[in-house]
C-alpha atoms as a PDB file:
ATOM      1  CA  MET A   1     -20.540  11.350  -3.520  1.00  0.00           C
ATOM      2  CA  PRO A   2     -20.963  10.420  -7.193  1.00  0.00           C
ATOM      3  CA  PRO A   3     -18.997   7.423  -8.509  1.00  0.00           C
ATOM      4  CA  ILE A   4     -15.985   8.020 -10.717  1.00  0.00           C
ATOM      5  CA  GLN A   5     -16.871   7.394 -14.366  1.00  0.00           C
ATOM      6  CA  ARG A   6     -15.478   4.207 -15.891  1.00  0.00           C
ATOM      7  CA  ASP A   7     -13.472   6.000 -18.611  1.00  0.00           C
ATOM      8  CA  ALA A   8     -11.874   8.173 -15.949  1.00  0.00           C
ATOM      9  CA  MET A   9     -11.007   5.076 -13.913  1.00  0.00           C
ATOM     10  CA  VAL A  10      -9.319   3.469 -16.910  1.00  0.00           C
ATOM     11  CA  GLU A  11      -7.267   6.626 -17.350  1.00  0.00           C
ATOM     12  CA  LEU A  12      -6.336   6.678 -13.653  1.00  0.00           C
ATOM     13  CA  ALA A  13      -5.387   2.987 -13.714  1.00  0.00           C
ATOM     14  CA  ASN A  14      -3.150   3.468 -16.735  1.00  0.00           C
ATOM     15  CA  LEU A  15      -1.547   6.494 -15.086  1.00  0.00           C
ATOM     16  CA  LEU A  16      -0.897   4.555 -11.874  1.00  0.00           C
ATOM     17  CA  ARG A  17       0.718   1.712 -13.823  1.00  0.00           C
ATOM     18  CA  SER A  18       2.909   4.137 -15.782  1.00  0.00           C
ATOM     19  CA  LEU A  19       4.177   5.653 -12.522  1.00  0.00           C
ATOM     20  CA  HIS A  20       5.887   2.318 -11.802  1.00  0.00           C
ATOM     21  CA  HIS A  21       8.022   2.731 -14.936  1.00  0.00           C
ATOM     22  CA  GLN A  22       9.338   6.286 -14.615  1.00  0.00           C
ATOM     23  CA  LYS A  23      12.938   7.366 -14.110  1.00  0.00           C
ATOM     24  CA  ARG A  24      12.245   8.122 -10.448  1.00  0.00           C
ATOM     25  CA  PRO A  25      10.487   5.661  -8.120  1.00  0.00           C
ATOM     26  CA  LEU A  26       6.861   6.156  -7.201  1.00  0.00           C
ATOM     27  CA  VAL A  27       6.894   7.366  -3.588  1.00  0.00           C
ATOM     28  CA  LEU A  28       3.680   6.787  -1.641  1.00  0.00           C
ATOM     29  CA  PRO A  29       3.133   8.491   1.731  1.00  0.00           C
ATOM     30  CA  ASN A  30       0.154   6.332   2.782  1.00  0.00           C
ATOM     31  CA  ALA A  31      -3.085   8.043   3.846  1.00  0.00           C
ATOM     32  CA  TRP A  32      -5.678   6.952   6.406  1.00  0.00           C
ATOM     33  CA  ASP A  33      -8.489   9.478   5.918  1.00  0.00           C
ATOM     34  CA  VAL A  34      -9.633  12.352   3.714  1.00  0.00           C
ATOM     35  CA  GLY A  35      -7.578  14.974   5.524  1.00  0.00           C
ATOM     36  CA  SER A  36      -4.321  13.043   5.262  1.00  0.00           C
ATOM     37  CA  ALA A  37      -4.998  12.172   1.610  1.00  0.00           C
ATOM     38  CA  GLN A  38      -5.645  15.795   0.706  1.00  0.00           C
ATOM     39  CA  ALA A  39      -2.505  16.895   2.535  1.00  0.00           C
ATOM     40  CA  ILE A  40      -0.453  14.298   0.670  1.00  0.00           C
ATOM     41  CA  GLU A  41      -1.927  15.434  -2.650  1.00  0.00           C
ATOM     42  CA  ARG A  42      -1.168  19.088  -1.842  1.00  0.00           C
ATOM     43  CA  ALA A  43       2.415  18.052  -1.088  1.00  0.00           C
ATOM     44  CA  GLY A  44       2.722  16.922  -4.709  1.00  0.00           C
ATOM     45  CA  ALA A  45       2.131  13.163  -4.618  1.00  0.00           C
ATOM     46  CA  SER A  46       1.467  11.514  -7.966  1.00  0.00           C
ATOM     47  CA  ALA A  47      -0.795   8.894  -6.371  1.00  0.00           C
ATOM     48  CA  ILE A  48      -2.384   8.111  -3.018  1.00  0.00           C
ATOM     49  CA  ALA A  49      -2.059   4.766  -1.233  1.00  0.00           C
ATOM     50  CA  THR A  50      -4.089   3.862   1.826  1.00  0.00           C
ATOM     51  CA  THR A  51      -2.711   2.108   4.894  1.00  0.00           C
ATOM     52  CA  SER A  52      -4.818  -0.607   6.513  1.00  0.00           C
ATOM     53  CA  SER A  53      -3.121  -0.104   9.877  1.00  0.00           C
ATOM     54  CA  GLY A  54      -3.690   3.658   9.771  1.00  0.00           C
ATOM     55  CA  VAL A  55      -7.327   3.264   8.746  1.00  0.00           C
ATOM     56  CA  ALA A  56      -7.815   0.755  11.563  1.00  0.00           C
ATOM     57  CA  ALA A  57      -6.149   3.057  14.084  1.00  0.00           C
ATOM     58  CA  SER A  58      -8.435   5.913  13.029  1.00  0.00           C
ATOM     59  CA  PHE A  59     -11.314   3.662  14.152  1.00  0.00           C
ATOM     60  CA  GLY A  60      -9.517   2.815  17.395  1.00  0.00           C
ATOM     61  CA  LEU A  61      -8.982  -0.753  16.184  1.00  0.00           C
ATOM     62  CA  GLU A  62      -6.064  -3.063  15.481  1.00  0.00           C
ATOM     63  CA  ASP A  63      -5.025  -3.762  11.896  1.00  0.00           C
ATOM     64  CA  GLY A  64      -7.344  -6.347  10.379  1.00  0.00           C
ATOM     65  CA  GLN A  65     -10.278  -5.622  12.699  1.00  0.00           C
ATOM     66  CA  VAL A  66     -12.132  -3.016  10.624  1.00  0.00           C
ATOM     67  CA  PRO A  67     -15.375  -4.318   9.058  1.00  0.00           C
ATOM     68  CA  VAL A  68     -14.905  -4.675   5.316  1.00  0.00           C
ATOM     69  CA  GLY A  69     -17.719  -2.233   4.564  1.00  0.00           C
ATOM     70  CA  GLU A  70     -15.973   0.456   6.597  1.00  0.00           C
ATOM     71  CA  VAL A  71     -12.713  -0.208   4.755  1.00  0.00           C
ATOM     72  CA  PHE A  72     -14.327   0.419   1.385  1.00  0.00           C
ATOM     73  CA  LEU A  73     -16.171   3.455   2.740  1.00  0.00           C
ATOM     74  CA  ALA A  74     -12.849   4.940   3.875  1.00  0.00           C
ATOM     75  CA  VAL A  75     -11.409   4.341   0.402  1.00  0.00           C
ATOM     76  CA  LEU A  76     -14.515   5.861  -1.201  1.00  0.00           C
ATOM     77  CA  ARG A  77     -14.181   9.031   0.843  1.00  0.00           C
ATOM     78  CA  ILE A  78     -10.511   9.383  -0.043  1.00  0.00           C
ATOM     79  CA  ALA A  79     -10.891   8.634  -3.763  1.00  0.00           C
ATOM     80  CA  GLY A  80     -13.825  11.016  -4.001  1.00  0.00           C
ATOM     81  CA  THR A  81     -11.802  13.986  -2.770  1.00  0.00           C
ATOM     82  CA  VAL A  82      -8.483  13.684  -4.622  1.00  0.00           C
ATOM     83  CA  ARG A  83      -7.654  13.868  -8.310  1.00  0.00           C
ATOM     84  CA  VAL A  84      -4.702  11.487  -8.412  1.00  0.00           C
ATOM     85  CA  PRO A  85      -4.987   7.676  -8.664  1.00  0.00           C
ATOM     86  CA  VAL A  86      -5.793   5.822  -5.449  1.00  0.00           C
ATOM     87  CA  THR A  87      -4.450   2.375  -4.608  1.00  0.00           C
ATOM     88  CA  ALA A  88      -6.025   0.673  -1.612  1.00  0.00           C
ATOM     89  CA  ASP A  89      -4.470  -1.579   1.003  1.00  0.00           C
ATOM     90  CA  LEU A  90      -7.070  -4.361   0.954  1.00  0.00           C
ATOM     91  CA  GLU A  91      -5.006  -6.766   3.064  1.00  0.00           C
ATOM     92  CA  ALA A  92      -5.660 -10.351   1.891  1.00  0.00           C
ATOM     93  CA  GLY A  93      -8.948  -9.492   0.201  1.00  0.00           C
ATOM     94  CA  TYR A  94     -11.248 -10.124   3.170  1.00  0.00           C
ATOM     95  CA  GLY A  95     -12.282 -13.517   1.821  1.00  0.00           C
ATOM     96  CA  LEU A  96     -14.188 -11.895  -1.040  1.00  0.00           C
ATOM     97  CA  ALA A  97     -14.450 -13.674  -4.376  1.00  0.00           C
ATOM     98  CA  PRO A  98     -12.197 -11.988  -6.964  1.00  0.00           C
ATOM     99  CA  GLU A  99     -15.130 -10.574  -8.936  1.00  0.00           C
ATOM    100  CA  LEU A 100     -16.675  -9.039  -5.830  1.00  0.00           C
ATOM    101  CA  LEU A 101     -13.326  -7.735  -4.572  1.00  0.00           C
ATOM    102  CA  VAL A 102     -12.719  -5.923  -7.862  1.00  0.00           C
ATOM    103  CA  GLU A 103     -16.310  -4.686  -8.016  1.00  0.00           C
ATOM    104  CA  GLU A 104     -16.126  -3.219  -4.508  1.00  0.00           C
ATOM    105  CA  MET A 105     -12.728  -1.551  -4.982  1.00  0.00           C
ATOM    106  CA  LEU A 106     -13.833   0.040  -8.247  1.00  0.00           C
ATOM    107  CA  ARG A 107     -17.080   1.181  -6.679  1.00  0.00           C
ATOM    108  CA  ALA A 108     -14.963   2.829  -3.976  1.00  0.00           C
ATOM    109  CA  GLY A 109     -12.882   4.591  -6.641  1.00  0.00           C
ATOM    110  CA  ALA A 110      -9.603   2.698  -6.208  1.00  0.00           C
ATOM    111  CA  VAL A 111      -7.696   1.644  -9.321  1.00  0.00           C
ATOM    112  CA  GLY A 112      -5.010  -0.353  -7.529  1.00  0.00           C
ATOM    113  CA  LEU A 113      -4.765  -2.671  -4.550  1.00  0.00           C
ATOM    114  CA  ASN A 114      -2.324  -4.416  -2.253  1.00  0.00           C
ATOM    115  CA  LEU A 115      -3.017  -8.140  -1.968  1.00  0.00           C
ATOM    116  CA  GLU A 116      -1.218 -10.081   0.782  1.00  0.00           C
ATOM    117  CA  ASP A 117      -0.281 -13.768   0.769  1.00  0.00           C
ATOM    118  CA  THR A 118      -1.010 -14.356   4.471  1.00  0.00           C
ATOM    119  CA  ASP A 119      -3.977 -16.480   5.534  1.00  0.00           C
ATOM    120  CA  TRP A 120      -5.412 -14.423   8.386  1.00  0.00           C
ATOM    121  CA  THR A 121      -8.272 -16.868   9.001  1.00  0.00           C
ATOM    122  CA  ALA A 122      -5.944 -19.528  10.430  1.00  0.00           C
ATOM    123  CA  ALA A 123      -5.559 -19.828  14.218  1.00  0.00           C
ATOM    124  CA  VAL A 124      -1.981 -18.693  13.684  1.00  0.00           C
ATOM    125  CA  PRO A 125      -1.533 -16.605  10.499  1.00  0.00           C
ATOM    126  CA  VAL A 126       0.386 -18.559   7.847  1.00  0.00           C
ATOM    127  CA  LEU A 127       1.551 -17.981   4.300  1.00  0.00           C
ATOM    128  CA  VAL A 128      -0.823 -19.124   1.595  1.00  0.00           C
ATOM    129  CA  ASP A 129       0.589 -21.729  -0.758  1.00  0.00           C
ATOM    130  CA  ALA A 130       2.398 -19.869  -3.540  1.00  0.00           C
ATOM    131  CA  GLY A 131       0.489 -21.643  -6.296  1.00  0.00           C
ATOM    132  CA  GLU A 132      -2.835 -20.949  -4.621  1.00  0.00           C
ATOM    133  CA  GLN A 133      -1.979 -17.263  -4.228  1.00  0.00           C
ATOM    134  CA  ALA A 134      -0.876 -17.045  -7.856  1.00  0.00           C
ATOM    135  CA  GLU A 135      -4.238 -18.474  -8.892  1.00  0.00           C
ATOM    136  CA  ARG A 136      -6.019 -15.841  -6.813  1.00  0.00           C
ATOM    137  CA  ILE A 137      -3.983 -13.065  -8.392  1.00  0.00           C
ATOM    138  CA  ALA A 138      -4.793 -14.441 -11.833  1.00  0.00           C
ATOM    139  CA  ALA A 139      -8.484 -14.492 -10.921  1.00  0.00           C
ATOM    140  CA  VAL A 140      -8.334 -10.880  -9.724  1.00  0.00           C
ATOM    141  CA  ARG A 141      -6.613  -9.911 -12.967  1.00  0.00           C
ATOM    142  CA  GLU A 142      -9.305 -11.682 -14.984  1.00  0.00           C
ATOM    143  CA  ALA A 143     -12.005  -9.958 -12.941  1.00  0.00           C
ATOM    144  CA  SER A 144     -10.449  -6.598 -13.719  1.00  0.00           C
ATOM    145  CA  ARG A 145     -10.552  -7.412 -17.421  1.00  0.00           C
ATOM    146  CA  GLY A 146     -14.203  -8.305 -17.077  1.00  0.00           C
ATOM    147  CA  ALA A 147     -14.854  -5.011 -15.308  1.00  0.00           C
ATOM    148  CA  GLY A 148     -13.099  -3.097 -18.065  1.00  0.00           C
ATOM    149  CA  VAL A 149     -10.562  -1.362 -15.786  1.00  0.00           C
ATOM    150  CA  PRO A 150      -6.889  -2.472 -15.859  1.00  0.00           C
ATOM    151  CA  ILE A 151      -6.325  -2.252 -12.110  1.00  0.00           C
ATOM    152  CA  VAL A 152      -2.796  -2.243 -10.694  1.00  0.00           C
ATOM    153  CA  ILE A 153      -2.075  -5.260  -8.493  1.00  0.00           C
ATOM    154  CA  ASN A 154       0.684  -4.895  -5.899  1.00  0.00           C
ATOM    155  CA  ALA A 155       1.317  -8.458  -4.682  1.00  0.00           C
ATOM    156  CA  ARG A 156       2.665  -8.459  -1.142  1.00  0.00           C
ATOM    157  CA  VAL A 157       5.007 -11.300  -0.171  1.00  0.00           C
ATOM    158  CA  ASP A 158       4.896 -11.749   3.610  1.00  0.00           C
ATOM    159  CA  ALA A 159       7.669 -14.268   4.317  1.00  0.00           C
ATOM    160  CA  PHE A 160      10.057 -11.666   5.769  1.00  0.00           C
ATOM    161  CA  LEU A 161       7.259 -10.065   7.775  1.00  0.00           C
ATOM    162  CA  ARG A 162       6.315 -13.444   9.251  1.00  0.00           C
ATOM    163  CA  HIS A 163       9.983 -14.042  10.269  1.00  0.00           C
ATOM    164  CA  LEU A 164       9.950 -17.522   8.760  1.00  0.00           C
ATOM    165  CA  GLY A 165      13.715 -18.030   8.849  1.00  0.00           C
ATOM    166  CA  ASP A 166      17.055 -16.459   8.073  1.00  0.00           C
ATOM    167  CA  PRO A 167      16.368 -13.583   5.626  1.00  0.00           C
ATOM    168  CA  ARG A 168      19.284 -14.725   3.448  1.00  0.00           C
ATOM    169  CA  GLU A 169      17.758 -18.202   3.149  1.00  0.00           C
ATOM    170  CA  LEU A 170      14.267 -16.816   2.538  1.00  0.00           C
ATOM    171  CA  LEU A 171      15.337 -14.729  -0.447  1.00  0.00           C
ATOM    172  CA  ASP A 172      15.126 -17.616  -2.937  1.00  0.00           C
ATOM    173  CA  ASP A 173      11.629 -18.588  -1.789  1.00  0.00           C
ATOM    174  CA  VAL A 174      10.416 -14.993  -1.825  1.00  0.00           C
ATOM    175  CA  THR A 175      11.894 -14.495  -5.293  1.00  0.00           C
ATOM    176  CA  ASP A 176      10.125 -17.622  -6.573  1.00  0.00           C
ATOM    177  CA  ARG A 177       6.855 -16.390  -5.120  1.00  0.00           C
ATOM    178  CA  ALA A 178       7.334 -12.950  -6.639  1.00  0.00           C
ATOM    179  CA  ARG A 179       8.003 -14.395 -10.081  1.00  0.00           C
ATOM    180  CA  ALA A 180       4.908 -16.587  -9.833  1.00  0.00           C
ATOM    181  CA  TYR A 181       2.795 -13.619  -8.803  1.00  0.00           C
ATOM    182  CA  ARG A 182       4.148 -11.534 -11.672  1.00  0.00           C
ATOM    183  CA  GLU A 183       3.397 -14.305 -14.158  1.00  0.00           C
ATOM    184  CA  ALA A 184      -0.125 -14.521 -12.738  1.00  0.00           C
ATOM    185  CA  GLY A 185      -0.773 -10.845 -13.471  1.00  0.00           C
ATOM    186  CA  ALA A 186       0.693  -8.758 -10.639  1.00  0.00           C
ATOM    187  CA  ASP A 187       2.115  -5.429 -11.793  1.00  0.00           C
ATOM    188  CA  CYS A 188       4.412  -4.984  -8.804  1.00  0.00           C
ATOM    189  CA  VAL A 189       5.678  -7.224  -5.994  1.00  0.00           C
ATOM    190  CA  TYR A 190       6.113  -6.139  -2.407  1.00  0.00           C
ATOM    191  CA  PRO A 191       8.555  -8.138  -0.230  1.00  0.00           C
ATOM    192  CA  ILE A 192       7.515  -6.335   2.932  1.00  0.00           C
ATOM    193  CA  GLY A 193      10.184  -6.458   5.629  1.00  0.00           C
ATOM    194  CA  LEU A 194      13.105  -6.861   3.219  1.00  0.00           C
ATOM    195  CA  ASP A 195      15.583  -4.231   4.427  1.00  0.00           C
ATOM    196  CA  ASP A 196      19.064  -5.440   3.475  1.00  0.00           C
ATOM    197  CA  ALA A 197      20.396  -3.389   0.573  1.00  0.00           C
ATOM    198  CA  GLY A 198      22.322  -6.237  -1.034  1.00  0.00           C
ATOM    199  CA  ALA A 199      19.318  -8.566  -0.855  1.00  0.00           C
ATOM    200  CA  ILE A 200      17.019  -5.873  -2.261  1.00  0.00           C
ATOM    201  CA  GLY A 201      19.354  -5.387  -5.213  1.00  0.00           C
ATOM    202  CA  ARG A 202      19.468  -9.130  -5.933  1.00  0.00           C
ATOM    203  CA  PHE A 203      15.709  -9.394  -5.585  1.00  0.00           C
ATOM    204  CA  VAL A 204      15.103  -6.531  -8.025  1.00  0.00           C
ATOM    205  CA  ARG A 205      17.433  -8.076 -10.599  1.00  0.00           C
ATOM    206  CA  ARG A 206      15.900 -11.543 -10.273  1.00  0.00           C
ATOM    207  CA  VAL A 207      12.257 -10.474 -10.382  1.00  0.00           C
ATOM    208  CA  GLY A 208      12.645  -8.390 -13.528  1.00  0.00           C
ATOM    209  CA  GLY A 209       9.715  -6.098 -12.784  1.00  0.00           C
ATOM    210  CA  PRO A 210       8.602  -3.290 -10.467  1.00  0.00           C
ATOM    211  CA  VAL A 211       9.395  -3.870  -6.787  1.00  0.00           C
ATOM    212  CA  ASN A 212       7.831  -2.059  -3.803  1.00  0.00           C
ATOM    213  CA  ILE A 213       9.936  -1.578  -0.664  1.00  0.00           C
ATOM    214  CA  LEU A 214       8.691  -0.344   2.715  1.00  0.00           C
ATOM    215  CA  LEU A 215      10.658   2.687   3.909  1.00  0.00           C
ATOM    216  CA  ARG A 216      11.181   2.344   7.648  1.00  0.00           C
ATOM    217  CA  PRO A 217      13.955   2.583  10.257  1.00  0.00           C
ATOM    218  CA  GLY A 218      16.729   0.241   9.162  1.00  0.00           C
ATOM    219  CA  SER A 219      15.894   0.283   5.464  1.00  0.00           C
ATOM    220  CA  PRO A 220      18.121   1.904   2.830  1.00  0.00           C
ATOM    221  CA  SER A 221      17.525   5.596   2.126  1.00  0.00           C
ATOM    222  CA  LEU A 222      15.299   6.850  -0.691  1.00  0.00           C
ATOM    223  CA  ALA A 223      18.347   7.640  -2.815  1.00  0.00           C
ATOM    224  CA  HIS A 224      19.874   4.213  -2.145  1.00  0.00           C
ATOM    225  CA  LEU A 225      16.610   2.416  -3.012  1.00  0.00           C
ATOM    226  CA  ARG A 226      16.490   4.332  -6.274  1.00  0.00           C
ATOM    227  CA  ARG A 227      20.035   3.222  -7.117  1.00  0.00           C
ATOM    228  CA  LEU A 228      19.028  -0.369  -6.350  1.00  0.00           C
ATOM    229  CA  GLY A 229      16.309  -0.162  -9.000  1.00  0.00           C
ATOM    230  CA  VAL A 230      13.290  -0.089  -6.659  1.00  0.00           C
ATOM    231  CA  ARG A 231      10.292   1.333  -8.543  1.00  0.00           C
ATOM    232  CA  ARG A 232       7.817   1.903  -5.696  1.00  0.00           C
ATOM    233  CA  ILE A 233       8.487   3.066  -2.125  1.00  0.00           C
ATOM    234  CA  SER A 234       5.767   3.223   0.511  1.00  0.00           C
ATOM    235  CA  LEU A 235       5.484   4.014   4.211  1.00  0.00           C
ATOM    236  CA  GLY A 236       2.700   1.712   5.373  1.00  0.00           C
ATOM    237  CA  GLY A 237       1.550   3.144   8.703  1.00  0.00           C
ATOM    238  CA  GLY A 238       4.734   5.191   9.097  1.00  0.00           C
ATOM    239  CA  LEU A 239       3.213   8.569   8.260  1.00  0.00           C
ATOM    240  CA  TRP A 240       0.262   7.933  10.583  1.00  0.00           C
ATOM    241  CA  GLN A 241       2.697   7.083  13.398  1.00  0.00           C
ATOM    242  CA  GLN A 242       4.659  10.281  12.795  1.00  0.00           C
ATOM    243  CA  ALA A 243       1.451  12.330  12.713  1.00  0.00           C
ATOM    244  CA  GLN A 244       0.285  10.854  16.012  1.00  0.00           C
ATOM    245  CA  ALA A 245       3.652  11.489  17.653  1.00  0.00           C
ATOM    246  CA  MET A 246       3.607  15.108  16.476  1.00  0.00           C
ATOM    247  CA  THR A 247       0.023  15.576  17.669  1.00  0.00           C
ATOM    248  CA  GLU A 248       0.906  14.258  21.119  1.00  0.00           C
ATOM    249  CA  SER A 249       4.026  16.412  21.297  1.00  0.00           C
ATOM    250  CA  LEU A 250       2.147  19.587  20.384  1.00  0.00           C
ATOM    251  CA  ALA A 251      -0.693  18.769  22.765  1.00  0.00           C
ATOM    252  CA  ARG A 252       1.776  18.259  25.615  1.00  0.00           C
ATOM    253  CA  ARG A 253       3.340  21.651  24.885  1.00  0.00           C
ATOM    254  CA  LEU A 254      -0.048  23.335  24.849  1.00  0.00           C
ATOM    255  CA  LEU A 255      -1.225  21.639  28.044  1.00  0.00           C
ATOM    256  CA  SER A 256       2.002  22.618  29.806  1.00  0.00           C
ATOM    257  CA  GLY A 257       1.313  26.259  29.005  1.00  0.00           C
ATOM    258  CA  ASP A 258       3.221  26.701  25.736  1.00  0.00           C
ATOM    259  CA  GLY A 259       0.827  27.946  23.086  1.00  0.00           C
ATOM    260  CA  GLY A 260       3.612  29.157  20.812  1.00  0.00           C
ATOM    261  CA  PRO A 261       2.989  26.739  17.934  1.00  0.00           C
ATOM    262  CA  PHE A 262      -0.595  27.981  17.625  1.00  0.00           C
ATOM    263  CA  ILE A 263      -0.120  31.760  17.537  1.00  0.00           C
ATOM    264  CA  GLU A 264       1.729  34.019  15.136  1.00  0.00           C
ATOM    265  CA  THR A 265       3.800  35.742  17.818  1.00  0.00           C
ATOM    266  CA  GLY A 266       4.797  34.985  21.360  1.00  0.00           C
ATOM    267  CA  ASP A 267       3.360  38.285  22.659  1.00  0.00           C
ATOM    268  CA  ASP A 268       0.652  38.215  25.343  1.00  0.00           C
END
């Protein structure tokens, strides 16, 4: 498929950034392949986000096990078949130098990315030093300037996900990290695993910029997150999980002799 023209990518990047500053939050039902991305676009989504766990599962692999070339190929296929901006879950960047990371994501047609602060190369995954991660974000931002496309950086803060202590005690550290990442050039910060409504509200007020929250069981509702000032709401692998559960349920009905969902009437 032909690459997206640079001027069009600049326009898509600016549109994606603007969607973080609208009256209503940007809601992202994450896609894992072309079919899911097209369905999400038909449903009226303003942008498409990919899910690394969903992409991995579509290969029959665990999250983090997909070869980097296959990740970018999946993004390329999605971005080449939708008209809205695409932001890619690129995990921790796969060890790529910032210039190459930006080059590959733009080549794949993505104008935004998630960038995690977990070191997955360690024997036991650990958080990257906050200063070191801020420097990496700054380098990615500089690389995007060099490429001529103002990509949207969603900086994921993994302290809650890693269960590194009492969530109430972690909030100060996560807030400090988020501020550092924003100062380094991140457009949005993503404290994945932060579910407490009061803590989310304090975090949003302290960060002073767009915040992404993962919608999952136990998190506040969409309406509540909007009232808290959250600007971006995503599902991660949630939509993929729901799709798989529905597929299994329908298949069980069919295999038990109930073909009702697949015919217009119940007549023989």
